[in-house]
Amino acid sequence: MSFFLVCNLGHQLAGIGSVGGAVIDTSNCYSGFPMPIIQIHGTSDDQVGYDQYKVDNLVKICAAYNGCNPNPVESNLPDLNTTDNSTVTKFVYEGGRNNAIVELFRVNGG
């Protein structure tokens, strides 16, 4: 839903957040504005598969569109719940037009 809004109403948005979502078809996508984006996605998602929907690639495309540095700052977040068998790696693409950044929170095993 968030990516649909960017493609169709990007000129009316200040940024988007997507949890477990992905873009399926960008052929009609238009947004002439830098768009800060936060994406949260689990690598074990069985509905919108992380690898199946190429979430890493989607985030890189968004970063490139925004003119961000293609090399993200990567960090591992503290594992606050050691019983859930998941961890989180954060990727931040900075330096975009109008200070737009793109962030991915990859939930490893989630």
PDB file of N, CA and C in Angstrom:
ATOM      1  N   MET A   1       0.824  -1.189   0.000  1.00  0.00           N
ATOM      2  CA  MET A   1       0.000   0.000   0.000  1.00  0.00           C
ATOM      3  C   MET A   1       0.872   1.258   0.000  1.00  0.00           C
ATOM      4  N   SER A   2       1.901   1.276   0.852  1.00  0.00           N
ATOM      5  CA  SER A   2       2.754   2.461   0.940  1.00  0.00           C
ATOM      6  C   SER A   2       3.431   2.763  -0.393  1.00  0.00           C
ATOM      7  N   PHE A   3       3.948   1.713  -1.044  1.00  0.00           N
ATOM      8  CA  PHE A   3       4.628   1.930  -2.319  1.00  0.00           C
ATOM      9  C   PHE A   3       3.640   2.331  -3.410  1.00  0.00           C
ATOM     10  N   PHE A   4       2.430   1.819  -3.359  1.00  0.00           N
ATOM     11  CA  PHE A   4       1.385   2.249  -4.288  1.00  0.00           C
ATOM     12  C   PHE A   4       1.138   3.749  -4.129  1.00  0.00           C
ATOM     13  N   LEU A   5       1.072   4.211  -2.885  1.00  0.00           N
ATOM     14  CA  LEU A   5       0.851   5.630  -2.639  1.00  0.00           C
ATOM     15  C   LEU A   5       1.992   6.478  -3.175  1.00  0.00           C
ATOM     16  N   VAL A   6       3.235   6.015  -2.997  1.00  0.00           N
ATOM     17  CA  VAL A   6       4.382   6.757  -3.533  1.00  0.00           C
ATOM     18  C   VAL A   6       4.255   6.885  -5.044  1.00  0.00           C
ATOM     19  N   CYS A   7       3.920   5.777  -5.701  1.00  0.00           N
ATOM     20  CA  CYS A   7       3.835   5.776  -7.158  1.00  0.00           C
ATOM     21  C   CYS A   7       2.719   6.672  -7.679  1.00  0.00           C
ATOM     22  N   ASN A   8       1.645   6.794  -6.912  1.00  0.00           N
ATOM     23  CA  ASN A   8       0.474   7.512  -7.415  1.00  0.00           C
ATOM     24  C   ASN A   8       0.216   8.864  -6.764  1.00  0.00           C
ATOM     25  N   LEU A   9       0.694   9.052  -5.544  1.00  0.00           N
ATOM     26  CA  LEU A   9       0.437  10.311  -4.832  1.00  0.00           C
ATOM     27  C   LEU A   9       1.707  10.867  -4.184  1.00  0.00           C
ATOM     28  N   GLY A  10       2.862  10.522  -4.742  1.00  0.00           N
ATOM     29  CA  GLY A  10       4.134  10.920  -4.143  1.00  0.00           C
ATOM     30  C   GLY A  10       4.271  12.408  -3.908  1.00  0.00           C
ATOM     31  N   HIS A  11       3.670  13.210  -4.766  1.00  0.00           N
ATOM     32  CA  HIS A  11       3.749  14.663  -4.626  1.00  0.00           C
ATOM     33  C   HIS A  11       2.994  15.172  -3.394  1.00  0.00           C
ATOM     34  N   GLN A  12       2.179  14.315  -2.776  1.00  0.00           N
ATOM     35  CA  GLN A  12       1.408  14.717  -1.601  1.00  0.00           C
ATOM     36  C   GLN A  12       1.941  14.110  -0.304  1.00  0.00           C
ATOM     37  N   LEU A  13       3.052  13.371  -0.380  1.00  0.00           N
ATOM     38  CA  LEU A  13       3.583  12.665   0.786  1.00  0.00           C
ATOM     39  C   LEU A  13       4.937  13.214   1.208  1.00  0.00           C
ATOM     40  N   ALA A  14       5.224  13.120   2.495  1.00  0.00           N
ATOM     41  CA  ALA A  14       6.528  13.535   3.008  1.00  0.00           C
ATOM     42  C   ALA A  14       7.463  12.346   3.175  1.00  0.00           C
ATOM     43  N   GLY A  15       6.934  11.129   3.180  1.00  0.00           N
ATOM     44  CA  GLY A  15       7.725   9.917   3.339  1.00  0.00           C
ATOM     45  C   GLY A  15       6.789   8.747   3.577  1.00  0.00           C
ATOM     46  N   ILE A  16       7.355   7.528   3.522  1.00  0.00           N
ATOM     47  CA  ILE A  16       6.533   6.346   3.771  1.00  0.00           C
ATOM     48  C   ILE A  16       7.264   5.354   4.665  1.00  0.00           C
ATOM     49  N   GLY A  17       6.477   4.493   5.276  1.00  0.00           N
ATOM     50  CA  GLY A  17       6.995   3.353   6.020  1.00  0.00           C
ATOM     51  C   GLY A  17       6.253   2.119   5.571  1.00  0.00           C
ATOM     52  N   SER A  18       6.990   1.040   5.348  1.00  0.00           N
ATOM     53  CA  SER A  18       6.382  -0.206   4.898  1.00  0.00           C
ATOM     54  C   SER A  18       6.865  -1.338   5.787  1.00  0.00           C
ATOM     55  N   VAL A  19       5.930  -2.124   6.295  1.00  0.00           N
ATOM     56  CA  VAL A  19       6.266  -3.287   7.110  1.00  0.00           C
ATOM     57  C   VAL A  19       5.824  -4.522   6.340  1.00  0.00           C
ATOM     58  N   GLY A  20       6.801  -5.282   5.860  1.00  0.00           N
ATOM     59  CA  GLY A  20       6.505  -6.512   5.147  1.00  0.00           C
ATOM     60  C   GLY A  20       5.877  -6.309   3.792  1.00  0.00           C
ATOM     61  N   GLY A  21       6.033  -5.137   3.205  1.00  0.00           N
ATOM     62  CA  GLY A  21       5.454  -4.865   1.896  1.00  0.00           C
ATOM     63  C   GLY A  21       6.517  -4.861   0.821  1.00  0.00           C
ATOM     64  N   ALA A  22       6.074  -4.877  -0.419  1.00  0.00           N
ATOM     65  CA  ALA A  22       6.993  -4.843  -1.550  1.00  0.00           C
ATOM     66  C   ALA A  22       6.265  -4.287  -2.762  1.00  0.00           C
ATOM     67  N   VAL A  23       7.044  -3.823  -3.725  1.00  0.00           N
ATOM     68  CA  VAL A  23       6.491  -3.325  -4.985  1.00  0.00           C
ATOM     69  C   VAL A  23       6.429  -4.491  -5.953  1.00  0.00           C
ATOM     70  N   ILE A  24       5.281  -4.691  -6.549  1.00  0.00           N
ATOM     71  CA  ILE A  24       5.136  -5.774  -7.509  1.00  0.00           C
ATOM     72  C   ILE A  24       5.315  -5.248  -8.928  1.00  0.00           C
ATOM     73  N   ASP A  25       4.709  -4.113  -9.243  1.00  0.00           N
ATOM     74  CA  ASP A  25       4.762  -3.564 -10.592  1.00  0.00           C
ATOM     75  C   ASP A  25       5.038  -2.068 -10.504  1.00  0.00           C
ATOM     76  N   THR A  26       6.150  -1.646 -11.052  1.00  0.00           N
ATOM     77  CA  THR A  26       6.490  -0.222 -11.021  1.00  0.00           C
ATOM     78  C   THR A  26       6.335   0.423 -12.404  1.00  0.00           C
ATOM     79  N   SER A  27       5.729  -0.288 -13.353  1.00  0.00           N
ATOM     80  CA  SER A  27       5.649   0.231 -14.714  1.00  0.00           C
ATOM     81  C   SER A  27       4.848   1.529 -14.806  1.00  0.00           C
ATOM     82  N   ASN A  28       3.893   1.730 -13.919  1.00  0.00           N
ATOM     83  CA  ASN A  28       3.100   2.958 -13.920  1.00  0.00           C
ATOM     84  C   ASN A  28       3.466   3.866 -12.753  1.00  0.00           C
ATOM     85  N   CYS A  29       4.635   3.653 -12.200  1.00  0.00           N
ATOM     86  CA  CYS A  29       5.037   4.398 -11.014  1.00  0.00           C
ATOM     87  C   CYS A  29       5.639   5.740 -11.403  1.00  0.00           C
ATOM     88  N   TYR A  30       5.113   6.797 -10.837  1.00  0.00           N
ATOM     89  CA  TYR A  30       5.669   8.125 -11.042  1.00  0.00           C
ATOM     90  C   TYR A  30       5.657   8.876  -9.715  1.00  0.00           C
ATOM     91  N   SER A  31       6.803   9.380  -9.395  1.00  0.00           N
ATOM     92  CA  SER A  31       6.913  10.304  -8.277  1.00  0.00           C
ATOM     93  C   SER A  31       8.143  11.145  -8.550  1.00  0.00           C
ATOM     94  N   GLY A  32       7.964  12.395  -8.781  1.00  0.00           N
ATOM     95  CA  GLY A  32       9.084  13.257  -9.128  1.00  0.00           C
ATOM     96  C   GLY A  32       9.772  13.882  -7.932  1.00  0.00           C
ATOM     97  N   PHE A  33       9.531  13.352  -6.745  1.00  0.00           N
ATOM     98  CA  PHE A  33      10.047  13.967  -5.533  1.00  0.00           C
ATOM     99  C   PHE A  33      10.896  12.973  -4.747  1.00  0.00           C
ATOM    100  N   PRO A  34      11.943  13.461  -4.068  1.00  0.00           N
ATOM    101  CA  PRO A  34      12.675  12.574  -3.164  1.00  0.00           C
ATOM    102  C   PRO A  34      11.717  12.059  -2.081  1.00  0.00           C
ATOM    103  N   MET A  35      11.859  10.790  -1.734  1.00  0.00           N
ATOM    104  CA  MET A  35      10.911  10.175  -0.812  1.00  0.00           C
ATOM    105  C   MET A  35      11.640   9.401   0.279  1.00  0.00           C
ATOM    106  N   PRO A  36      11.714   9.956   1.497  1.00  0.00           N
ATOM    107  CA  PRO A  36      12.279   9.177   2.601  1.00  0.00           C
ATOM    108  C   PRO A  36      11.456   7.908   2.814  1.00  0.00           C
ATOM    109  N   ILE A  37      12.159   6.790   2.994  1.00  0.00           N
ATOM    110  CA  ILE A  37      11.481   5.501   3.107  1.00  0.00           C
ATOM    111  C   ILE A  37      12.093   4.696   4.241  1.00  0.00           C
ATOM    112  N   ILE A  38      11.254   4.063   5.037  1.00  0.00           N
ATOM    113  CA  ILE A  38      11.699   3.074   6.010  1.00  0.00           C
ATOM    114  C   ILE A  38      10.986   1.768   5.651  1.00  0.00           C
ATOM    115  N   GLN A  39      11.769   0.705   5.519  1.00  0.00           N
ATOM    116  CA  GLN A  39      11.244  -0.619   5.184  1.00  0.00           C
ATOM    117  C   GLN A  39      11.633  -1.569   6.308  1.00  0.00           C
ATOM    118  N   ILE A  40      10.674  -2.290   6.854  1.00  0.00           N
ATOM    119  CA  ILE A  40      10.910  -3.308   7.877  1.00  0.00           C
ATOM    120  C   ILE A  40      10.418  -4.620   7.305  1.00  0.00           C
ATOM    121  N   HIS A  41      11.316  -5.612   7.255  1.00  0.00           N
ATOM    122  CA  HIS A  41      10.925  -6.853   6.595  1.00  0.00           C
ATOM    123  C   HIS A  41      11.683  -8.030   7.195  1.00  0.00           C
ATOM    124  N   GLY A  42      10.976  -9.105   7.455  1.00  0.00           N
ATOM    125  CA  GLY A  42      11.577 -10.317   7.992  1.00  0.00           C
ATOM    126  C   GLY A  42      12.061 -11.241   6.898  1.00  0.00           C
ATOM    127  N   THR A  43      13.214 -11.866   7.121  1.00  0.00           N
ATOM    128  CA  THR A  43      13.772 -12.786   6.124  1.00  0.00           C
ATOM    129  C   THR A  43      13.003 -14.107   6.066  1.00  0.00           C
ATOM    130  N   SER A  44      12.188 -14.390   7.068  1.00  0.00           N
ATOM    131  CA  SER A  44      11.402 -15.629   7.092  1.00  0.00           C
ATOM    132  C   SER A  44       9.924 -15.385   6.809  1.00  0.00           C
ATOM    133  N   ASP A  45       9.599 -14.238   6.245  1.00  0.00           N
ATOM    134  CA  ASP A  45       8.218 -13.908   5.913  1.00  0.00           C
ATOM    135  C   ASP A  45       7.701 -14.906   4.881  1.00  0.00           C
ATOM    136  N   ASP A  46       6.656 -15.656   5.216  1.00  0.00           N
ATOM    137  CA  ASP A  46       6.141 -16.648   4.275  1.00  0.00           C
ATOM    138  C   ASP A  46       5.000 -16.102   3.403  1.00  0.00           C
ATOM    139  N   GLN A  47       4.617 -14.863   3.591  1.00  0.00           N
ATOM    140  CA  GLN A  47       3.571 -14.247   2.765  1.00  0.00           C
ATOM    141  C   GLN A  47       4.175 -13.374   1.668  1.00  0.00           C
ATOM    142  N   VAL A  48       5.084 -12.504   2.049  1.00  0.00           N
ATOM    143  CA  VAL A  48       5.800 -11.648   1.101  1.00  0.00           C
ATOM    144  C   VAL A  48       7.279 -11.968   1.310  1.00  0.00           C
ATOM    145  N   GLY A  49       7.723 -13.037   0.664  1.00  0.00           N
ATOM    146  CA  GLY A  49       9.066 -13.567   0.885  1.00  0.00           C
ATOM    147  C   GLY A  49      10.160 -12.548   0.633  1.00  0.00           C
ATOM    148  N   TYR A  50      11.085 -12.464   1.549  1.00  0.00           N
ATOM    149  CA  TYR A  50      12.179 -11.490   1.473  1.00  0.00           C
ATOM    150  C   TYR A  50      12.975 -11.661   0.180  1.00  0.00           C
ATOM    151  N   ASP A  51      13.375 -12.897  -0.100  1.00  0.00           N
ATOM    152  CA  ASP A  51      14.142 -13.155  -1.324  1.00  0.00           C
ATOM    153  C   ASP A  51      13.251 -13.168  -2.555  1.00  0.00           C
ATOM    154  N   GLN A  52      12.055 -13.720  -2.426  1.00  0.00           N
ATOM    155  CA  GLN A  52      11.128 -13.805  -3.552  1.00  0.00           C
ATOM    156  C   GLN A  52      10.817 -12.417  -4.110  1.00  0.00           C
ATOM    157  N   TYR A  53      10.604 -11.444  -3.223  1.00  0.00           N
ATOM    158  CA  TYR A  53      10.268 -10.087  -3.651  1.00  0.00           C
ATOM    159  C   TYR A  53      11.485  -9.174  -3.731  1.00  0.00           C
ATOM    160  N   LYS A  54      12.670  -9.753  -3.548  1.00  0.00           N
ATOM    161  CA  LYS A  54      13.936  -9.020  -3.719  1.00  0.00           C
ATOM    162  C   LYS A  54      13.936  -7.712  -2.944  1.00  0.00           C
ATOM    163  N   VAL A  55      13.672  -7.824  -1.647  1.00  0.00           N
ATOM    164  CA  VAL A  55      13.563  -6.640  -0.796  1.00  0.00           C
ATOM    165  C   VAL A  55      14.862  -5.840  -0.791  1.00  0.00           C
ATOM    166  N   ASP A  56      16.020  -6.523  -0.734  1.00  0.00           N
ATOM    167  CA  ASP A  56      17.299  -5.801  -0.776  1.00  0.00           C
ATOM    168  C   ASP A  56      17.390  -4.939  -2.028  1.00  0.00           C
ATOM    169  N   ASN A  57      17.011  -5.498  -3.167  1.00  0.00           N
ATOM    170  CA  ASN A  57      17.068  -4.779  -4.429  1.00  0.00           C
ATOM    171  C   ASN A  57      16.081  -3.619  -4.452  1.00  0.00           C
ATOM    172  N   LEU A  58      14.890  -3.843  -3.927  1.00  0.00           N
ATOM    173  CA  LEU A  58      13.879  -2.781  -3.846  1.00  0.00           C
ATOM    174  C   LEU A  58      14.429  -1.579  -3.076  1.00  0.00           C
ATOM    175  N   VAL A  59      15.050  -1.844  -1.957  1.00  0.00           N
ATOM    176  CA  VAL A  59      15.592  -0.758  -1.130  1.00  0.00           C
ATOM    177  C   VAL A  59      16.718  -0.036  -1.874  1.00  0.00           C
ATOM    178  N   LYS A  60      17.551  -0.778  -2.573  1.00  0.00           N
ATOM    179  CA  LYS A  60      18.637  -0.156  -3.356  1.00  0.00           C
ATOM    180  C   LYS A  60      18.075   0.724  -4.473  1.00  0.00           C
ATOM    181  N   ILE A  61      17.001   0.274  -5.111  1.00  0.00           N
ATOM    182  CA  ILE A  61      16.355   1.073  -6.156  1.00  0.00           C
ATOM    183  C   ILE A  61      15.814   2.372  -5.559  1.00  0.00           C
ATOM    184  N   CYS A  62      15.175   2.273  -4.398  1.00  0.00           N
ATOM    185  CA  CYS A  62      14.649   3.470  -3.727  1.00  0.00           C
ATOM    186  C   CYS A  62      15.777   4.427  -3.360  1.00  0.00           C
ATOM    187  N   ALA A  63      16.885   3.880  -2.873  1.00  0.00           N
ATOM    188  CA  ALA A  63      18.030   4.717  -2.509  1.00  0.00           C
ATOM    189  C   ALA A  63      18.595   5.425  -3.743  1.00  0.00           C
ATOM    190  N   ALA A  64      18.720   4.698  -4.833  1.00  0.00           N
ATOM    191  CA  ALA A  64      19.238   5.297  -6.073  1.00  0.00           C
ATOM    192  C   ALA A  64      18.293   6.380  -6.581  1.00  0.00           C
ATOM    193  N   TYR A  65      16.987   6.113  -6.536  1.00  0.00           N
ATOM    194  CA  TYR A  65      16.002   7.092  -6.972  1.00  0.00           C
ATOM    195  C   TYR A  65      16.151   8.394  -6.185  1.00  0.00           C
ATOM    196  N   ASN A  66      16.428   8.262  -4.898  1.00  0.00           N
ATOM    197  CA  ASN A  66      16.578   9.433  -4.032  1.00  0.00           C
ATOM    198  C   ASN A  66      17.954  10.072  -4.125  1.00  0.00           C
ATOM    199  N   GLY A  67      18.865   9.462  -4.867  1.00  0.00           N
ATOM    200  CA  GLY A  67      20.219  10.002  -4.992  1.00  0.00           C
ATOM    201  C   GLY A  67      21.075   9.743  -3.767  1.00  0.00           C
ATOM    202  N   CYS A  68      20.743   8.698  -3.012  1.00  0.00           N
ATOM    203  CA  CYS A  68      21.502   8.358  -1.800  1.00  0.00           C
ATOM    204  C   CYS A  68      22.806   7.658  -2.153  1.00  0.00           C
ATOM    205  N   ASN A  69      23.718   7.644  -1.203  1.00  0.00           N
ATOM    206  CA  ASN A  69      24.948   6.883  -1.326  1.00  0.00           C
ATOM    207  C   ASN A  69      24.566   5.417  -1.540  1.00  0.00           C
ATOM    208  N   PRO A  70      25.145   4.745  -2.554  1.00  0.00           N
ATOM    209  CA  PRO A  70      24.761   3.355  -2.812  1.00  0.00           C
ATOM    210  C   PRO A  70      25.290   2.356  -1.783  1.00  0.00           C
ATOM    211  N   ASN A  71      26.192   2.817  -0.926  1.00  0.00           N
ATOM    212  CA  ASN A  71      26.755   1.953   0.109  1.00  0.00           C
ATOM    213  C   ASN A  71      26.155   2.333   1.461  1.00  0.00           C
ATOM    214  N   PRO A  72      25.281   1.472   1.986  1.00  0.00           N
ATOM    215  CA  PRO A  72      24.600   1.827   3.235  1.00  0.00           C
ATOM    216  C   PRO A  72      25.510   1.705   4.444  1.00  0.00           C
ATOM    217  N   VAL A  73      25.158   2.439   5.485  1.00  0.00           N
ATOM    218  CA  VAL A  73      25.762   2.258   6.800  1.00  0.00           C
ATOM    219  C   VAL A  73      25.010   1.100   7.431  1.00  0.00           C
ATOM    220  N   GLU A  74      25.725   0.045   7.785  1.00  0.00           N
ATOM    221  CA  GLU A  74      25.102  -1.172   8.319  1.00  0.00           C
ATOM    222  C   GLU A  74      25.432  -1.312   9.798  1.00  0.00           C
ATOM    223  N   SER A  75      24.424  -1.649  10.590  1.00  0.00           N
ATOM    224  CA  SER A  75      24.656  -1.890  12.016  1.00  0.00           C
ATOM    225  C   SER A  75      23.691  -2.953  12.522  1.00  0.00           C
ATOM    226  N   ASN A  76      24.144  -3.708  13.512  1.00  0.00           N
ATOM    227  CA  ASN A  76      23.305  -4.711  14.159  1.00  0.00           C
ATOM    228  C   ASN A  76      22.702  -4.094  15.404  1.00  0.00           C
ATOM    229  N   LEU A  77      21.390  -4.180  15.522  1.00  0.00           N
ATOM    230  CA  LEU A  77      20.716  -3.647  16.700  1.00  0.00           C
ATOM    231  C   LEU A  77      20.847  -4.630  17.852  1.00  0.00           C
ATOM    232  N   PRO A  78      20.761  -4.138  19.084  1.00  0.00           N
ATOM    233  CA  PRO A  78      20.846  -5.039  20.238  1.00  0.00           C
ATOM    234  C   PRO A  78      19.743  -6.099  20.192  1.00  0.00           C
ATOM    235  N   ASP A  79      20.102  -7.319  20.561  1.00  0.00           N
ATOM    236  CA  ASP A  79      19.144  -8.427  20.594  1.00  0.00           C
ATOM    237  C   ASP A  79      18.439  -8.402  21.943  1.00  0.00           C
ATOM    238  N   LEU A  80      17.324  -7.688  22.014  1.00  0.00           N
ATOM    239  CA  LEU A  80      16.615  -7.475  23.275  1.00  0.00           C
ATOM    240  C   LEU A  80      15.774  -8.669  23.702  1.00  0.00           C
ATOM    241  N   ASN A  81      15.453  -9.545  22.756  1.00  0.00           N
ATOM    242  CA  ASN A  81      14.674 -10.734  23.086  1.00  0.00           C
ATOM    243  C   ASN A  81      15.407 -11.946  22.509  1.00  0.00           C
ATOM    244  N   THR A  82      16.241 -12.566  23.304  1.00  0.00           N
ATOM    245  CA  THR A  82      17.061 -13.674  22.813  1.00  0.00           C
ATOM    246  C   THR A  82      16.263 -14.960  22.622  1.00  0.00           C
ATOM    247  N   THR A  83      15.008 -14.980  23.031  1.00  0.00           N
ATOM    248  CA  THR A  83      14.203 -16.198  22.899  1.00  0.00           C
ATOM    249  C   THR A  83      13.417 -16.262  21.594  1.00  0.00           C
ATOM    250  N   ASP A  84      13.406 -15.197  20.795  1.00  0.00           N
ATOM    251  CA  ASP A  84      12.596 -15.208  19.568  1.00  0.00           C
ATOM    252  C   ASP A  84      13.374 -15.670  18.334  1.00  0.00           C
ATOM    253  N   ASN A  85      14.636 -16.008  18.521  1.00  0.00           N
ATOM    254  CA  ASN A  85      15.487 -16.520  17.432  1.00  0.00           C
ATOM    255  C   ASN A  85      15.595 -15.575  16.246  1.00  0.00           C
ATOM    256  N   SER A  86      15.524 -14.279  16.510  1.00  0.00           N
ATOM    257  CA  SER A  86      15.705 -13.303  15.440  1.00  0.00           C
ATOM    258  C   SER A  86      16.604 -12.173  15.921  1.00  0.00           C
ATOM    259  N   THR A  87      17.211 -11.516  14.971  1.00  0.00           N
ATOM    260  CA  THR A  87      18.023 -10.329  15.220  1.00  0.00           C
ATOM    261  C   THR A  87      17.642  -9.301  14.158  1.00  0.00           C
ATOM    262  N   VAL A  88      18.111  -8.080  14.331  1.00  0.00           N
ATOM    263  CA  VAL A  88      17.784  -7.028  13.369  1.00  0.00           C
ATOM    264  C   VAL A  88      19.069  -6.349  12.894  1.00  0.00           C
ATOM    265  N   THR A  89      19.182  -6.243  11.583  1.00  0.00           N
ATOM    266  CA  THR A  89      20.274  -5.496  10.969  1.00  0.00           C
ATOM    267  C   THR A  89      19.674  -4.272  10.300  1.00  0.00           C
ATOM    268  N   LYS A  90      20.263  -3.123  10.578  1.00  0.00           N
ATOM    269  CA  LYS A  90      19.769  -1.852  10.037  1.00  0.00           C
ATOM    270  C   LYS A  90      20.712  -1.385   8.931  1.00  0.00           C
ATOM    271  N   PHE A  91      20.131  -0.975   7.810  1.00  0.00           N
ATOM    272  CA  PHE A  91      20.875  -0.431   6.676  1.00  0.00           C
ATOM    273  C   PHE A  91      20.349   0.981   6.422  1.00  0.00           C
ATOM    274  N   VAL A  92      21.244   1.951   6.389  1.00  0.00           N
ATOM    275  CA  VAL A  92      20.837   3.344   6.168  1.00  0.00           C
ATOM    276  C   VAL A  92      21.574   3.888   4.946  1.00  0.00           C
ATOM    277  N   TYR A  93      20.784   4.296   3.956  1.00  0.00           N
ATOM    278  CA  TYR A  93      21.305   4.936   2.750  1.00  0.00           C
ATOM    279  C   TYR A  93      21.116   6.437   2.935  1.00  0.00           C
ATOM    280  N   GLU A  94      22.210   7.158   3.036  1.00  0.00           N
ATOM    281  CA  GLU A  94      22.158   8.598   3.339  1.00  0.00           C
ATOM    282  C   GLU A  94      22.569   9.432   2.129  1.00  0.00           C
ATOM    283  N   GLY A  95      22.470  10.744   2.284  1.00  0.00           N
ATOM    284  CA  GLY A  95      22.980  11.678   1.293  1.00  0.00           C
ATOM    285  C   GLY A  95      22.063  11.922   0.119  1.00  0.00           C
ATOM    286  N   GLY A  96      20.793  11.625   0.258  1.00  0.00           N
ATOM    287  CA  GLY A  96      19.861  11.802  -0.845  1.00  0.00           C
ATOM    288  C   GLY A  96      19.476  13.253  -1.075  1.00  0.00           C
ATOM    289  N   ARG A  97      18.823  13.483  -2.201  1.00  0.00           N
ATOM    290  CA  ARG A  97      18.330  14.830  -2.512  1.00  0.00           C
ATOM    291  C   ARG A  97      17.384  15.288  -1.413  1.00  0.00           C
ATOM    292  N   ASN A  98      17.477  16.559  -1.070  1.00  0.00           N
ATOM    293  CA  ASN A  98      16.660  17.147   0.001  1.00  0.00           C
ATOM    294  C   ASN A  98      16.786  16.368   1.308  1.00  0.00           C
ATOM    295  N   ASN A  99      17.969  15.797   1.538  1.00  0.00           N
ATOM    296  CA  ASN A  99      18.275  15.024   2.757  1.00  0.00           C
ATOM    297  C   ASN A  99      17.412  13.775   2.915  1.00  0.00           C
ATOM    298  N   ALA A 100      16.833  13.278   1.840  1.00  0.00           N
ATOM    299  CA  ALA A 100      16.046  12.047   1.906  1.00  0.00           C
ATOM    300  C   ALA A 100      16.967  10.875   2.226  1.00  0.00           C
ATOM    301  N   ILE A 101      16.541  10.027   3.134  1.00  0.00           N
ATOM    302  CA  ILE A 101      17.270   8.802   3.444  1.00  0.00           C
ATOM    303  C   ILE A 101      16.343   7.608   3.237  1.00  0.00           C
ATOM    304  N   VAL A 102      16.949   6.461   3.025  1.00  0.00           N
ATOM    305  CA  VAL A 102      16.213   5.214   2.902  1.00  0.00           C
ATOM    306  C   VAL A 102      16.797   4.259   3.933  1.00  0.00           C
ATOM    307  N   GLU A 103      15.908   3.662   4.743  1.00  0.00           N
ATOM    308  CA  GLU A 103      16.349   2.745   5.789  1.00  0.00           C
ATOM    309  C   GLU A 103      15.670   1.391   5.624  1.00  0.00           C
ATOM    310  N   LEU A 104      16.444   0.347   5.852  1.00  0.00           N
ATOM    311  CA  LEU A 104      15.924  -1.012   5.880  1.00  0.00           C
ATOM    312  C   LEU A 104      16.252  -1.612   7.241  1.00  0.00           C
ATOM    313  N   PHE A 105      15.237  -2.117   7.910  1.00  0.00           N
ATOM    314  CA  PHE A 105      15.424  -2.916   9.107  1.00  0.00           C
ATOM    315  C   PHE A 105      15.126  -4.358   8.713  1.00  0.00           C
ATOM    316  N   ARG A 106      16.181  -5.131   8.522  1.00  0.00           N
ATOM    317  CA  ARG A 106      16.033  -6.543   8.124  1.00  0.00           C
ATOM    318  C   ARG A 106      15.943  -7.389   9.394  1.00  0.00           C
ATOM    319  N   VAL A 107      14.810  -8.056   9.557  1.00  0.00           N
ATOM    320  CA  VAL A 107      14.610  -8.907  10.729  1.00  0.00           C
ATOM    321  C   VAL A 107      15.073 -10.318  10.341  1.00  0.00           C
ATOM    322  N   ASN A 108      16.290 -10.647  10.750  1.00  0.00           N
ATOM    323  CA  ASN A 108      16.902 -11.923  10.405  1.00  0.00           C
ATOM    324  C   ASN A 108      16.225 -13.052  11.189  1.00  0.00           C
ATOM    325  N   GLY A 109      15.594 -13.963  10.461  1.00  0.00           N
ATOM    326  CA  GLY A 109      14.889 -15.058  11.113  1.00  0.00           C
ATOM    327  C   GLY A 109      13.483 -14.701  11.554  1.00  0.00           C
ATOM    328  N   GLY A 110      13.036 -13.520  11.218  1.00  0.00           N
ATOM    329  CA  GLY A 110      11.698 -13.078  11.627  1.00  0.00           C
ATOM    330  C   GLY A 110      10.742 -13.034  10.482  1.00  0.00           C
TER     331      GLY A 110
END
